[in-house]
Amino acid sequence: MTSAAGIRAELKVTGPDGCPVATVSEGDTSGYALSRSMAPNERGSVIEEFVFDDDTDVPEEMEQLFEYGDGSVYRFDREGGIGCPCERVEAFDCPVVDVQTRDGALFLTFHAPDVETLRDVVASLRESSGSVDVRRLLQSSSDESRDLVLVERGQLTDRQREVLETAHEMGYFDHPRRANKGEVATELGITTSTFSEHLSMAQKKLMGAILQG
């Protein structure tokens, strides 16, 4: 049997547009999704049920239905097709399997078939949010799950990417090195100190993404 190559992604979406539950959690309230309708009803609304641990910031239009030990279930409807974070993820045929909210942010979990789809999802979310942080990526294999990191190359400037690519192609990162700083700098038409500056900044950005991921 062929091993699965999909990716389980856990994202933090800060400042999402069109999300009533994120607004509720801007105070001290936190919550998690319980259920929601899969398609808009005849009024064009999507029905959602969320569990909140405090009713202080829950608006009146959210109907309290049931009490749990850790909070209460609230039902509300919202306009469908408004491009909220969950809809943006599911536009790529990736059902959202878990939604939590706290401190005004959404924490979404879903499965993407490949890295390319995951990048497209993140790009779409960033169009309507303050920021999107990749908290964890897991890829299943035949014997275990691998912990992955999504590195956004767009955080590098064109010059930084050029420096990295040229250094890599010339063997600067090989052991032993096939090219030194001066040789790579000459190839790029820049000074050794400028090469070092660009390389250091690029490495700092990439290492930050890897370690934070």
C-alpha atoms as a PDB file:
ATOM      1  CA  MET A   1       0.000   0.000   0.000  1.00  0.00           C
ATOM      2  CA  THR A   2       1.312   3.452  -0.909  1.00  0.00           C
ATOM      3  CA  SER A   3       2.130   5.577   2.135  1.00  0.00           C
ATOM      4  CA  ALA A   4       0.219   8.830   2.633  1.00  0.00           C
ATOM      5  CA  ALA A   5       2.029  12.004   1.586  1.00  0.00           C
ATOM      6  CA  GLY A   6      -0.451  14.550   2.901  1.00  0.00           C
ATOM      7  CA  ILE A   7       0.312  17.228   5.469  1.00  0.00           C
ATOM      8  CA  ARG A   8      -1.486  18.044   8.714  1.00  0.00           C
ATOM      9  CA  ALA A   9      -1.258  21.805   9.187  1.00  0.00           C
ATOM     10  CA  GLU A  10      -1.925  23.832  12.319  1.00  0.00           C
ATOM     11  CA  LEU A  11      -2.125  27.588  11.653  1.00  0.00           C
ATOM     12  CA  LYS A  12      -2.673  30.673  13.772  1.00  0.00           C
ATOM     13  CA  VAL A  13      -4.668  33.360  11.952  1.00  0.00           C
ATOM     14  CA  THR A  14      -4.512  36.789  13.602  1.00  0.00           C
ATOM     15  CA  GLY A  15      -6.976  39.570  12.770  1.00  0.00           C
ATOM     16  CA  PRO A  16      -9.196  37.530  10.429  1.00  0.00           C
ATOM     17  CA  ASP A  17     -11.919  39.339   8.476  1.00  0.00           C
ATOM     18  CA  GLY A  18     -15.493  38.101   8.672  1.00  0.00           C
ATOM     19  CA  CYS A  19     -15.093  35.910  11.759  1.00  0.00           C
ATOM     20  CA  PRO A  20     -17.528  36.564  14.649  1.00  0.00           C
ATOM     21  CA  VAL A  21     -15.928  34.042  17.034  1.00  0.00           C
ATOM     22  CA  ALA A  22     -12.505  35.679  16.792  1.00  0.00           C
ATOM     23  CA  THR A  23     -14.127  38.939  17.876  1.00  0.00           C
ATOM     24  CA  VAL A  24     -15.612  37.243  20.951  1.00  0.00           C
ATOM     25  CA  SER A  25     -12.180  35.978  22.028  1.00  0.00           C
ATOM     26  CA  GLU A  26     -10.562  39.427  21.938  1.00  0.00           C
ATOM     27  CA  GLY A  27     -11.304  39.667  25.674  1.00  0.00           C
ATOM     28  CA  ASP A  28     -10.677  36.879  28.179  1.00  0.00           C
ATOM     29  CA  THR A  29     -13.033  34.430  26.456  1.00  0.00           C
ATOM     30  CA  SER A  30     -11.751  31.437  24.510  1.00  0.00           C
ATOM     31  CA  GLY A  31     -13.642  28.777  22.620  1.00  0.00           C
ATOM     32  CA  TYR A  32     -13.691  25.938  20.150  1.00  0.00           C
ATOM     33  CA  ALA A  33     -15.940  24.858  17.300  1.00  0.00           C
ATOM     34  CA  LEU A  34     -18.481  22.144  17.973  1.00  0.00           C
ATOM     35  CA  SER A  35     -20.284  21.878  14.640  1.00  0.00           C
ATOM     36  CA  ARG A  36     -21.455  23.844  11.631  1.00  0.00           C
ATOM     37  CA  SER A  37     -23.649  23.324   8.609  1.00  0.00           C
ATOM     38  CA  MET A  38     -21.818  22.197   5.504  1.00  0.00           C
ATOM     39  CA  ALA A  39     -23.726  24.498   3.136  1.00  0.00           C
ATOM     40  CA  PRO A  40     -25.732  27.742   3.406  1.00  0.00           C
ATOM     41  CA  ASN A  41     -29.460  27.337   4.102  1.00  0.00           C
ATOM     42  CA  GLU A  42     -32.264  28.889   2.073  1.00  0.00           C
ATOM     43  CA  ARG A  43     -31.441  32.284   3.610  1.00  0.00           C
ATOM     44  CA  GLY A  44     -27.823  31.972   2.510  1.00  0.00           C
ATOM     45  CA  SER A  45     -26.667  31.558   6.116  1.00  0.00           C
ATOM     46  CA  VAL A  46     -24.281  29.059   7.660  1.00  0.00           C
ATOM     47  CA  ILE A  47     -25.235  27.768  11.119  1.00  0.00           C
ATOM     48  CA  GLU A  48     -22.368  27.330  13.596  1.00  0.00           C
ATOM     49  CA  GLU A  49     -22.115  26.074  17.159  1.00  0.00           C
ATOM     50  CA  PHE A  50     -19.210  27.144  19.360  1.00  0.00           C
ATOM     51  CA  VAL A  51     -18.311  26.393  22.966  1.00  0.00           C
ATOM     52  CA  PHE A  52     -17.139  29.450  24.918  1.00  0.00           C
ATOM     53  CA  ASP A  53     -15.704  29.266  28.426  1.00  0.00           C
ATOM     54  CA  ASP A  54     -17.129  32.670  29.440  1.00  0.00           C
ATOM     55  CA  ASP A  55     -20.267  34.536  28.378  1.00  0.00           C
ATOM     56  CA  THR A  56     -18.893  38.017  29.128  1.00  0.00           C
ATOM     57  CA  ASP A  57     -18.065  38.914  25.519  1.00  0.00           C
ATOM     58  CA  VAL A  58     -20.629  36.717  23.742  1.00  0.00           C
ATOM     59  CA  PRO A  59     -23.068  38.927  21.777  1.00  0.00           C
ATOM     60  CA  GLU A  60     -26.822  38.612  22.260  1.00  0.00           C
ATOM     61  CA  GLU A  61     -27.375  37.288  18.731  1.00  0.00           C
ATOM     62  CA  MET A  62     -25.548  34.093  19.704  1.00  0.00           C
ATOM     63  CA  GLU A  63     -28.106  31.756  21.268  1.00  0.00           C
ATOM     64  CA  GLN A  64     -27.037  29.769  24.324  1.00  0.00           C
ATOM     65  CA  LEU A  65     -28.122  26.137  23.883  1.00  0.00           C
ATOM     66  CA  PHE A  66     -26.378  23.893  26.374  1.00  0.00           C
ATOM     67  CA  GLU A  67     -23.984  23.998  29.296  1.00  0.00           C
ATOM     68  CA  TYR A  68     -20.843  21.879  29.519  1.00  0.00           C
ATOM     69  CA  GLY A  69     -18.430  21.641  32.410  1.00  0.00           C
ATOM     70  CA  ASP A  70     -15.933  23.879  30.608  1.00  0.00           C
ATOM     71  CA  GLY A  71     -18.373  26.295  29.033  1.00  0.00           C
ATOM     72  CA  SER A  72     -21.617  26.725  27.131  1.00  0.00           C
ATOM     73  CA  VAL A  73     -22.687  25.922  23.588  1.00  0.00           C
ATOM     74  CA  TYR A  74     -23.777  28.913  21.520  1.00  0.00           C
ATOM     75  CA  ARG A  75     -25.485  28.732  18.136  1.00  0.00           C
ATOM     76  CA  PHE A  76     -25.431  31.530  15.600  1.00  0.00           C
ATOM     77  CA  ASP A  77     -25.790  32.030  11.889  1.00  0.00           C
ATOM     78  CA  ARG A  78     -23.605  34.061   9.607  1.00  0.00           C
ATOM     79  CA  GLU A  79     -23.666  34.958   5.962  1.00  0.00           C
ATOM     80  CA  GLY A  80     -22.205  32.253   3.768  1.00  0.00           C
ATOM     81  CA  GLY A  81     -19.601  32.844   1.084  1.00  0.00           C
ATOM     82  CA  ILE A  82     -17.978  35.853   2.761  1.00  0.00           C
ATOM     83  CA  GLY A  83     -14.454  34.478   2.518  1.00  0.00           C
ATOM     84  CA  CYS A  84     -13.925  33.864   6.222  1.00  0.00           C
ATOM     85  CA  PRO A  85     -10.789  31.861   7.149  1.00  0.00           C
ATOM     86  CA  CYS A  86     -12.535  28.467   7.219  1.00  0.00           C
ATOM     87  CA  GLU A  87     -14.117  29.099   3.828  1.00  0.00           C
ATOM     88  CA  ARG A  88     -10.776  30.157   2.384  1.00  0.00           C
ATOM     89  CA  VAL A  89      -9.158  26.922   3.554  1.00  0.00           C
ATOM     90  CA  GLU A  90     -11.994  24.754   2.268  1.00  0.00           C
ATOM     91  CA  ALA A  91     -11.926  26.493  -1.127  1.00  0.00           C
ATOM     92  CA  PHE A  92      -8.840  24.318  -1.731  1.00  0.00           C
ATOM     93  CA  ASP A  93     -10.781  21.120  -0.904  1.00  0.00           C
ATOM     94  CA  CYS A  94      -9.203  20.950   2.562  1.00  0.00           C
ATOM     95  CA  PRO A  95     -11.935  20.500   5.209  1.00  0.00           C
ATOM     96  CA  VAL A  96     -11.139  22.240   8.493  1.00  0.00           C
ATOM     97  CA  VAL A  97     -11.072  19.562  11.193  1.00  0.00           C
ATOM     98  CA  ASP A  98     -10.532  21.752  14.254  1.00  0.00           C
ATOM     99  CA  VAL A  99     -11.118  25.440  15.058  1.00  0.00           C
ATOM    100  CA  GLN A 100     -10.194  27.166  18.301  1.00  0.00           C
ATOM    101  CA  THR A 101     -10.112  30.841  19.197  1.00  0.00           C
ATOM    102  CA  ARG A 102      -8.371  32.893  21.884  1.00  0.00           C
ATOM    103  CA  ASP A 103      -6.888  36.373  22.132  1.00  0.00           C
ATOM    104  CA  GLY A 104      -8.682  37.442  18.955  1.00  0.00           C
ATOM    105  CA  ALA A 105      -6.965  34.800  16.820  1.00  0.00           C
ATOM    106  CA  LEU A 106      -8.141  31.607  15.141  1.00  0.00           C
ATOM    107  CA  PHE A 107      -6.252  28.321  15.373  1.00  0.00           C
ATOM    108  CA  LEU A 108      -7.123  26.123  12.398  1.00  0.00           C
ATOM    109  CA  THR A 109      -6.196  22.503  11.752  1.00  0.00           C
ATOM    110  CA  PHE A 110      -6.660  20.832   8.362  1.00  0.00           C
ATOM    111  CA  HIS A 111      -5.031  18.318   6.019  1.00  0.00           C
ATOM    112  CA  ALA A 112      -3.459  19.419   2.737  1.00  0.00           C
ATOM    113  CA  PRO A 113      -2.593  16.922  -0.018  1.00  0.00           C
ATOM    114  CA  ASP A 114       0.796  18.521  -0.727  1.00  0.00           C
ATOM    115  CA  VAL A 115       3.087  21.466   0.044  1.00  0.00           C
ATOM    116  CA  GLU A 116       1.919  23.426  -3.011  1.00  0.00           C
ATOM    117  CA  THR A 117      -1.689  23.380  -1.809  1.00  0.00           C
ATOM    118  CA  LEU A 118      -0.573  24.367   1.676  1.00  0.00           C
ATOM    119  CA  ARG A 119       1.322  27.378   0.295  1.00  0.00           C
ATOM    120  CA  ASP A 120      -1.762  28.443  -1.673  1.00  0.00           C
ATOM    121  CA  VAL A 121      -3.939  28.172   1.452  1.00  0.00           C
ATOM    122  CA  VAL A 122      -1.527  30.290   3.499  1.00  0.00           C
ATOM    123  CA  ALA A 123      -1.313  32.903   0.726  1.00  0.00           C
ATOM    124  CA  SER A 124      -5.109  33.110   0.541  1.00  0.00           C
ATOM    125  CA  LEU A 125      -5.446  33.528   4.310  1.00  0.00           C
ATOM    126  CA  ARG A 126      -2.864  36.299   4.334  1.00  0.00           C
ATOM    127  CA  GLU A 127      -4.983  38.291   1.888  1.00  0.00           C
ATOM    128  CA  SER A 128      -7.665  38.798   4.548  1.00  0.00           C
ATOM    129  CA  SER A 129      -5.793  38.592   7.841  1.00  0.00           C
ATOM    130  CA  GLY A 130      -3.278  40.520   9.861  1.00  0.00           C
ATOM    131  CA  SER A 131      -0.887  37.584   9.894  1.00  0.00           C
ATOM    132  CA  VAL A 132      -0.742  33.818   9.449  1.00  0.00           C
ATOM    133  CA  ASP A 133       1.726  31.779  11.487  1.00  0.00           C
ATOM    134  CA  VAL A 134       2.470  28.146  10.738  1.00  0.00           C
ATOM    135  CA  ARG A 135       2.530  26.569  14.188  1.00  0.00           C
ATOM    136  CA  ARG A 136       3.114  22.958  13.221  1.00  0.00           C
ATOM    137  CA  LEU A 137       3.264  20.728  10.145  1.00  0.00           C
ATOM    138  CA  LEU A 138       3.215  16.948  10.201  1.00  0.00           C
ATOM    139  CA  GLN A 139       3.658  14.597   7.251  1.00  0.00           C
ATOM    140  CA  SER A 140       2.821  10.935   7.595  1.00  0.00           C
ATOM    141  CA  SER A 141       5.107   8.225   6.247  1.00  0.00           C
ATOM    142  CA  SER A 142       5.007   4.448   6.239  1.00  0.00           C
ATOM    143  CA  ASP A 143       6.439   4.149   9.741  1.00  0.00           C
ATOM    144  CA  GLU A 144       6.031   7.492  11.537  1.00  0.00           C
ATOM    145  CA  SER A 145       4.970  11.133  11.280  1.00  0.00           C
ATOM    146  CA  ARG A 146       7.609  13.662  10.281  1.00  0.00           C
ATOM    147  CA  ASP A 147       7.681  17.158  11.757  1.00  0.00           C
ATOM    148  CA  LEU A 148       7.878  19.644   8.874  1.00  0.00           C
ATOM    149  CA  VAL A 149       8.549  23.365   8.598  1.00  0.00           C
ATOM    150  CA  LEU A 150       7.065  25.584   5.889  1.00  0.00           C
ATOM    151  CA  VAL A 151       9.674  28.165   4.895  1.00  0.00           C
ATOM    152  CA  GLU A 152       8.227  31.104   3.000  1.00  0.00           C
ATOM    153  CA  ARG A 153      10.830  32.122   0.425  1.00  0.00           C
ATOM    154  CA  GLY A 154       8.910  35.334  -0.131  1.00  0.00           C
ATOM    155  CA  GLN A 155      10.354  36.712   3.104  1.00  0.00           C
ATOM    156  CA  LEU A 156      13.734  36.942   1.357  1.00  0.00           C
ATOM    157  CA  THR A 157      14.577  39.857  -0.908  1.00  0.00           C
ATOM    158  CA  ASP A 158      15.497  39.102  -4.527  1.00  0.00           C
ATOM    159  CA  ARG A 159      19.121  39.903  -3.731  1.00  0.00           C
ATOM    160  CA  GLN A 160      19.176  37.595  -0.708  1.00  0.00           C
ATOM    161  CA  ARG A 161      17.752  34.751  -2.771  1.00  0.00           C
ATOM    162  CA  GLU A 162      20.329  35.382  -5.484  1.00  0.00           C
ATOM    163  CA  VAL A 163      23.142  35.293  -2.927  1.00  0.00           C
ATOM    164  CA  LEU A 164      21.877  32.026  -1.419  1.00  0.00           C
ATOM    165  CA  GLU A 165      21.320  30.368  -4.788  1.00  0.00           C
ATOM    166  CA  THR A 166      24.735  31.394  -6.138  1.00  0.00           C
ATOM    167  CA  ALA A 167      26.515  30.315  -2.954  1.00  0.00           C
ATOM    168  CA  HIS A 168      24.736  26.965  -3.076  1.00  0.00           C
ATOM    169  CA  GLU A 169      25.479  26.385  -6.758  1.00  0.00           C
ATOM    170  CA  MET A 170      29.179  27.202  -6.293  1.00  0.00           C
ATOM    171  CA  GLY A 171      29.506  24.837  -3.331  1.00  0.00           C
ATOM    172  CA  TYR A 172      29.976  27.430  -0.594  1.00  0.00           C
ATOM    173  CA  PHE A 173      27.900  25.309   1.797  1.00  0.00           C
ATOM    174  CA  ASP A 174      29.634  22.031   0.924  1.00  0.00           C
ATOM    175  CA  HIS A 175      32.075  20.304   3.280  1.00  0.00           C
ATOM    176  CA  PRO A 176      34.769  20.860   2.308  1.00  0.00           C
ATOM    177  CA  ARG A 177      33.811  24.096   0.537  1.00  0.00           C
ATOM    178  CA  ARG A 178      34.259  24.265  -3.215  1.00  0.00           C
ATOM    179  CA  ALA A 179      34.196  28.081  -3.166  1.00  0.00           C
ATOM    180  CA  ASN A 180      35.064  30.730  -0.589  1.00  0.00           C
ATOM    181  CA  LYS A 181      33.394  34.070   0.165  1.00  0.00           C
ATOM    182  CA  GLY A 182      35.631  36.004  -2.198  1.00  0.00           C
ATOM    183  CA  GLU A 183      34.883  33.707  -5.132  1.00  0.00           C
ATOM    184  CA  VAL A 184      31.127  33.843  -4.604  1.00  0.00           C
ATOM    185  CA  ALA A 185      31.235  37.625  -4.149  1.00  0.00           C
ATOM    186  CA  THR A 186      33.195  37.994  -7.395  1.00  0.00           C
ATOM    187  CA  GLU A 187      30.638  35.876  -9.233  1.00  0.00           C
ATOM    188  CA  LEU A 188      27.880  38.128  -7.900  1.00  0.00           C
ATOM    189  CA  GLY A 189      29.795  41.311  -8.652  1.00  0.00           C
ATOM    190  CA  ILE A 190      29.750  42.520  -5.048  1.00  0.00           C
ATOM    191  CA  THR A 191      32.291  42.962  -2.261  1.00  0.00           C
ATOM    192  CA  THR A 192      33.024  40.206   0.244  1.00  0.00           C
ATOM    193  CA  SER A 193      31.559  42.278   3.072  1.00  0.00           C
ATOM    194  CA  THR A 194      28.334  42.868   1.096  1.00  0.00           C
ATOM    195  CA  PHE A 195      28.091  39.135   0.370  1.00  0.00           C
ATOM    196  CA  SER A 196      28.512  38.356   4.077  1.00  0.00           C
ATOM    197  CA  GLU A 197      25.826  40.907   4.998  1.00  0.00           C
ATOM    198  CA  HIS A 198      23.262  39.504   2.535  1.00  0.00           C
ATOM    199  CA  LEU A 199      24.085  35.916   3.496  1.00  0.00           C
ATOM    200  CA  SER A 200      23.817  36.603   7.224  1.00  0.00           C
ATOM    201  CA  MET A 201      20.434  38.311   6.888  1.00  0.00           C
ATOM    202  CA  ALA A 202      19.040  35.527   4.673  1.00  0.00           C
ATOM    203  CA  GLN A 203      20.227  32.825   7.053  1.00  0.00           C
ATOM    204  CA  LYS A 204      18.753  34.699  10.022  1.00  0.00           C
ATOM    205  CA  LYS A 205      15.331  34.851   8.359  1.00  0.00           C
ATOM    206  CA  LEU A 206      15.374  31.181   7.392  1.00  0.00           C
ATOM    207  CA  MET A 207      16.622  29.986  10.767  1.00  0.00           C
ATOM    208  CA  GLY A 208      13.989  32.104  12.509  1.00  0.00           C
ATOM    209  CA  ALA A 209      11.254  30.433  10.456  1.00  0.00           C
ATOM    210  CA  ILE A 210      12.654  26.961  11.140  1.00  0.00           C
ATOM    211  CA  LEU A 211      13.120  27.389  14.889  1.00  0.00           C
ATOM    212  CA  GLN A 212       9.778  29.136  15.416  1.00  0.00           C
ATOM    213  CA  GLY A 213       8.020  26.475  13.373  1.00  0.00           C
END
